[in-house]
């Protein structure tokens, strides 16, 4: 695991973008795993800048998003499909047919039946197969939740899990409530790539900024590998990069950290 600490959020995002740009220039048909939320916004802005100012070509890139809320249509302004269009896809020359985002709408299926309904489980298997058909994910972008989750793999998730339905914890819903008008509007369920799926990516770039992520960062990097901190599994990955600002790194004590 390579841990890089930069002075601020903007530099952190520039470093992450440069990593992706370097890989993309070497492999134009790169397969990218993408994350949503506030953390990767600066990274996406940098990738858009590379496209506009330096002609970075995304036409052969294939993308797979980590997750999506259940119950939100793609047109909902808090769906992750909407987020990705708004903050990245409509600004670059990516082919729509190469974009993959888990779907959140499954008709009239009861919310209590999502985990076992064959329509949903078939979709989850299809998503995994699409990743395999694309040749696997070359670079997976990750954020980290304040409780140590990656994607929507909440504490207690199986470390070998695959794409599936997850119930969101109260903390995750509270953390995400700032994006909704009320707590009641925050979805309780999501479809997410599993930890096992994420770990099969050839390279991982995890981004974290701000003091609210410092406990999760320390626990995932310096603590034991445990399902109670899903991000700790990245210690076992053959090529994981953790890029932090000073605030997110404030509780770290490891001597192997590279400071920018």
Protein backbone atom coordinates (compact mmCIF):
# COMPACT_ATOMS: atom_id res chain seq x y z
CA UNK A 1 0.00 0.00 0.00
CA UNK A 2 1.33 3.40 -1.05
CA UNK A 3 0.13 6.25 1.20
CA UNK A 4 0.59 9.78 -0.15
CA UNK A 5 -0.23 12.86 1.93
CA UNK A 6 -0.60 16.20 0.18
CA UNK A 7 -1.07 19.67 1.63
CA UNK A 8 -4.63 20.18 0.49
CA UNK A 9 -7.56 18.72 -1.42
CA UNK A 10 -6.74 20.33 -4.77
CA UNK A 11 -3.21 18.93 -4.89
CA UNK A 12 -4.49 15.54 -3.76
CA UNK A 13 -6.90 15.45 -6.70
CA UNK A 14 -4.21 16.58 -9.13
CA UNK A 15 -1.95 13.71 -8.04
CA UNK A 16 -4.76 11.19 -8.47
CA UNK A 17 -5.69 12.59 -11.89
CA UNK A 18 -2.08 12.40 -13.07
CA UNK A 19 -1.99 8.70 -12.14
CA UNK A 20 -5.10 8.00 -14.20
CA UNK A 21 -3.94 10.14 -17.13
CA UNK A 22 -0.61 8.31 -17.25
CA UNK A 23 -2.36 4.92 -17.33
CA UNK A 24 -4.90 6.07 -19.93
CA UNK A 25 -2.24 7.37 -22.27
CA UNK A 26 -0.56 3.98 -22.14
CA UNK A 27 -3.82 2.06 -22.49
CA UNK A 28 -6.52 4.00 -24.40
CA UNK A 29 -9.14 1.30 -23.72
CA UNK A 30 -8.69 1.55 -19.97
CA UNK A 31 -11.44 0.10 -17.76
CA UNK A 32 -12.19 2.54 -14.94
CA UNK A 33 -14.11 1.87 -11.76
CA UNK A 34 -15.73 5.10 -10.58
CA UNK A 35 -16.98 6.45 -7.29
CA UNK A 36 -19.50 9.14 -6.40
CA UNK A 37 -19.88 11.57 -3.50
CA UNK A 38 -18.08 14.81 -2.75
CA UNK A 39 -14.57 13.33 -2.48
CA UNK A 40 -13.90 12.52 -6.19
CA UNK A 41 -15.37 15.79 -7.52
CA UNK A 42 -11.96 17.47 -7.71
CA UNK A 43 -10.52 14.44 -9.49
CA UNK A 44 -13.29 14.55 -12.10
CA UNK A 45 -12.73 18.27 -12.63
CA UNK A 46 -9.08 17.55 -13.32
CA UNK A 47 -9.90 14.80 -15.80
CA UNK A 48 -12.29 17.16 -17.59
CA UNK A 49 -9.53 19.77 -17.72
CA UNK A 50 -7.12 17.25 -19.27
CA UNK A 51 -9.76 16.42 -21.88
CA UNK A 52 -10.50 20.04 -22.74
CA UNK A 53 -7.00 21.49 -22.58
CA UNK A 54 -4.81 18.55 -23.57
CA UNK A 55 -7.15 16.47 -25.68
CA UNK A 56 -7.24 13.48 -23.37
CA UNK A 57 -9.31 10.86 -25.21
CA UNK A 58 -11.99 8.86 -23.38
CA UNK A 59 -13.64 7.39 -26.48
CA UNK A 60 -12.34 3.86 -25.85
CA UNK A 61 -12.67 3.93 -22.05
CA UNK A 62 -15.17 1.63 -20.31
CA UNK A 63 -16.49 2.59 -16.88
CA UNK A 64 -18.19 0.75 -14.03
CA UNK A 65 -19.64 2.64 -11.11
CA UNK A 66 -19.49 1.21 -7.63
CA UNK A 67 -23.08 1.63 -6.53
CA UNK A 68 -26.52 3.17 -6.83
CA UNK A 69 -29.37 3.93 -4.45
CA UNK A 70 -32.38 1.65 -4.69
CA UNK A 71 -35.58 3.54 -5.40
CA UNK A 72 -34.10 6.51 -7.25
CA UNK A 73 -34.58 6.73 -11.03
CA UNK A 74 -31.59 7.84 -13.14
CA UNK A 75 -33.24 11.25 -13.61
CA UNK A 76 -33.39 11.94 -9.85
CA UNK A 77 -30.87 14.63 -8.97
CA UNK A 78 -29.45 12.52 -6.13
CA UNK A 79 -29.11 9.31 -8.09
CA UNK A 80 -25.56 8.31 -8.91
CA UNK A 81 -26.44 8.00 -12.58
CA UNK A 82 -27.40 11.69 -12.56
CA UNK A 83 -24.28 12.56 -10.54
CA UNK A 84 -21.95 10.93 -13.04
CA UNK A 85 -23.59 12.59 -16.04
CA UNK A 86 -23.51 15.98 -14.34
CA UNK A 87 -19.97 15.84 -13.00
CA UNK A 88 -18.06 13.83 -15.60
CA UNK A 89 -19.67 12.02 -18.53
CA UNK A 90 -21.34 14.94 -20.32
CA UNK A 91 -18.04 16.86 -20.23
CA UNK A 92 -15.86 14.21 -21.92
CA UNK A 93 -16.04 12.14 -25.12
CA UNK A 94 -16.97 8.82 -23.53
CA UNK A 95 -19.26 6.47 -25.48
CA UNK A 96 -22.63 6.02 -23.70
CA UNK A 97 -22.61 2.29 -24.40
CA UNK A 98 -19.36 1.96 -22.44
CA UNK A 99 -20.87 3.45 -19.26
CA UNK A 100 -22.12 1.00 -16.62
CA UNK A 101 -23.98 2.08 -13.47
CA UNK A 102 -25.99 -0.28 -11.26
CA UNK A 103 -29.70 0.30 -11.70
CA UNK A 104 -31.80 1.36 -8.74
CA UNK A 105 -35.30 0.79 -10.08
CA UNK A 106 -36.85 -2.67 -10.24
CA UNK A 107 -40.56 -2.05 -10.72
CA UNK A 108 -42.94 -3.21 -8.01
CA UNK A 109 -40.62 -5.53 -6.12
CA UNK A 110 -41.16 -5.21 -2.37
CA UNK A 111 -38.24 -3.48 -0.68
CA UNK A 112 -38.05 -6.37 1.80
CA UNK A 113 -37.59 -8.86 -1.07
CA UNK A 114 -34.74 -7.10 -2.86
CA UNK A 115 -31.95 -9.28 -1.51
CA UNK A 116 -33.53 -12.51 -2.77
CA UNK A 117 -35.70 -11.44 -5.71
CA UNK A 118 -34.46 -13.23 -8.86
CA UNK A 119 -34.74 -10.08 -11.00
CA UNK A 120 -32.35 -8.27 -8.67
CA UNK A 121 -29.97 -11.18 -8.17
CA UNK A 122 -29.87 -11.76 -11.93
CA UNK A 123 -28.98 -8.10 -12.44
CA UNK A 124 -26.16 -8.35 -9.88
CA UNK A 125 -24.75 -11.42 -11.65
CA UNK A 126 -25.05 -9.61 -14.99
CA UNK A 127 -23.09 -6.64 -13.62
CA UNK A 128 -20.30 -8.93 -12.45
CA UNK A 129 -20.27 -10.64 -15.85
CA UNK A 130 -20.05 -7.29 -17.65
CA UNK A 131 -16.94 -6.44 -15.64
CA UNK A 132 -15.41 -9.80 -16.55
CA UNK A 133 -16.35 -9.39 -20.23
CA UNK A 134 -14.62 -5.99 -20.26
CA UNK A 135 -11.44 -7.70 -19.07
CA UNK A 136 -11.68 -6.58 -15.44
CA UNK A 137 -11.21 -3.17 -13.90
CA UNK A 138 -7.80 -1.58 -14.46
CA UNK A 139 -8.12 1.25 -11.92
CA UNK A 140 -10.80 1.48 -9.24
CA UNK A 141 -11.42 4.89 -7.67
CA UNK A 142 -12.66 4.76 -4.08
CA UNK A 143 -13.74 7.11 -1.36
CA UNK A 144 -14.10 6.01 2.25
CA UNK A 145 -17.00 6.45 4.63
CA UNK A 146 -16.56 7.81 8.13
CA UNK A 147 -17.27 4.29 9.40
CA UNK A 148 -14.68 2.72 7.08
CA UNK A 149 -17.02 1.57 4.33
CA UNK A 150 -15.93 1.38 0.70
CA UNK A 151 -18.65 1.65 -1.91
CA UNK A 152 -21.71 0.70 0.18
CA UNK A 153 -19.97 -2.22 1.86
CA UNK A 154 -20.90 -1.32 5.42
CA UNK A 155 -19.07 -2.61 8.53
CA UNK A 156 -19.66 -6.32 8.86
CA UNK A 157 -19.73 -6.92 5.10
CA UNK A 158 -18.13 -10.11 3.88
CA UNK A 159 -14.57 -9.47 2.72
CA UNK A 160 -15.22 -11.73 -0.26
CA UNK A 161 -18.60 -10.22 -1.20
CA UNK A 162 -19.80 -9.59 -4.76
CA UNK A 163 -22.27 -7.11 -6.27
CA UNK A 164 -25.47 -7.25 -4.20
CA UNK A 165 -28.09 -5.29 -2.24
CA UNK A 166 -26.97 -3.71 1.04
CA UNK A 167 -28.92 -2.05 3.83
CA UNK A 168 -27.34 1.29 4.66
CA UNK A 169 -26.35 1.99 8.25
CA UNK A 170 -27.81 4.87 10.19
CA UNK A 171 -24.43 6.63 10.15
CA UNK A 172 -24.15 6.39 6.37
CA UNK A 173 -27.67 7.73 5.95
CA UNK A 174 -26.95 10.61 8.34
CA UNK A 175 -23.70 11.39 6.49
CA UNK A 176 -25.60 11.46 3.17
CA UNK A 177 -28.60 13.38 4.47
CA UNK A 178 -26.94 16.68 3.55
CA UNK A 179 -27.70 15.90 -0.09
CA UNK A 180 -31.45 15.46 0.54
CA UNK A 181 -34.23 17.71 1.79
CA UNK A 182 -34.90 15.52 4.81
CA UNK A 183 -33.65 12.37 6.51
CA UNK A 184 -36.84 10.59 5.42
CA UNK A 185 -35.81 11.02 1.76
CA UNK A 186 -32.43 9.30 2.19
CA UNK A 187 -32.65 5.79 0.68
CA UNK A 188 -32.23 2.85 3.03
CA UNK A 189 -30.88 0.40 0.46
CA UNK A 190 -28.34 0.37 -2.36
CA UNK A 191 -26.84 -1.97 -4.91
CA UNK A 192 -23.08 -2.05 -4.54
CA UNK A 193 -20.03 -3.82 -5.87
CA UNK A 194 -18.72 -6.18 -3.22
CA UNK A 195 -15.35 -6.06 -1.51
CA UNK A 196 -14.29 -9.14 -3.45
CA UNK A 197 -15.22 -7.37 -6.70
CA UNK A 198 -13.26 -4.26 -5.73
CA UNK A 199 -10.20 -6.28 -4.73
CA UNK A 200 -10.00 -7.80 -8.23
CA UNK A 201 -9.19 -4.41 -9.76
CA UNK A 202 -5.59 -4.29 -10.96
CA UNK A 203 -4.97 -0.99 -9.18
CA UNK A 204 -6.88 1.01 -6.58
CA UNK A 205 -6.79 4.73 -5.82
CA UNK A 206 -8.52 5.67 -2.59
CA UNK A 207 -9.08 9.36 -1.88
CA UNK A 208 -9.90 10.90 1.50
CA UNK A 209 -9.94 14.45 2.76
CA UNK A 210 -11.02 16.33 5.84
CA UNK A 211 -10.88 15.58 9.58
CA UNK A 212 -14.10 13.58 9.43
CA UNK A 213 -12.25 10.80 7.61
CA UNK A 214 -9.18 10.67 9.88
CA UNK A 215 -10.42 7.82 12.10
CA UNK A 216 -11.46 5.69 9.14
CA UNK A 217 -8.14 6.36 7.39
CA UNK A 218 -6.08 5.41 10.43
CA UNK A 219 -8.13 2.30 11.12
CA UNK A 220 -8.01 1.11 7.52
CA UNK A 221 -4.25 1.68 7.12
CA UNK A 222 -2.84 0.90 10.58
CA UNK A 223 -5.49 -1.33 12.12
CA UNK A 224 -6.10 -5.04 11.62
CA UNK A 225 -7.79 -6.34 8.49
CA UNK A 226 -11.35 -6.76 9.65
CA UNK A 227 -14.88 -6.76 8.26
CA UNK A 228 -15.74 -4.07 10.81
CA UNK A 229 -13.59 -1.68 8.78
CA UNK A 230 -14.12 -2.81 5.17
CA UNK A 231 -11.45 -0.44 3.80
CA UNK A 232 -8.82 -2.29 5.86
CA UNK A 233 -8.99 -5.02 3.21
CA UNK A 234 -7.01 -2.72 0.92
CA UNK A 235 -3.94 -3.61 2.98
CA UNK A 236 -4.10 -6.94 1.15
CA UNK A 237 -4.29 -5.47 -2.34
CA UNK A 238 -1.25 -5.85 -4.58
CA UNK A 239 -1.36 -2.24 -5.82
CA UNK A 240 -3.38 0.17 -3.71
CA UNK A 241 -2.70 3.90 -3.51
CA UNK A 242 -4.16 6.01 -0.71
CA UNK A 243 -4.04 9.74 -1.39
CA UNK A 244 -4.90 12.04 1.51
CA UNK A 245 -4.89 15.67 2.56
CA UNK A 246 -3.27 16.68 5.84
CA UNK A 247 -6.52 16.60 7.79
CA UNK A 248 -7.47 13.08 6.74
CA UNK A 249 -3.93 11.91 7.57
CA UNK A 250 -3.80 13.65 10.96
CA UNK A 251 -4.12 10.47 13.05
CA UNK A 252 -1.61 8.37 11.12
CA UNK A 253 1.61 7.32 12.78
CA UNK A 254 3.12 4.99 10.17
CA UNK A 255 6.65 5.81 9.00
CA UNK A 256 6.12 4.63 5.41
CA UNK A 257 3.94 7.58 4.41
CA UNK A 258 5.12 9.69 1.45
CA UNK A 259 4.52 13.38 2.04
CA UNK A 260 4.04 15.68 -0.94
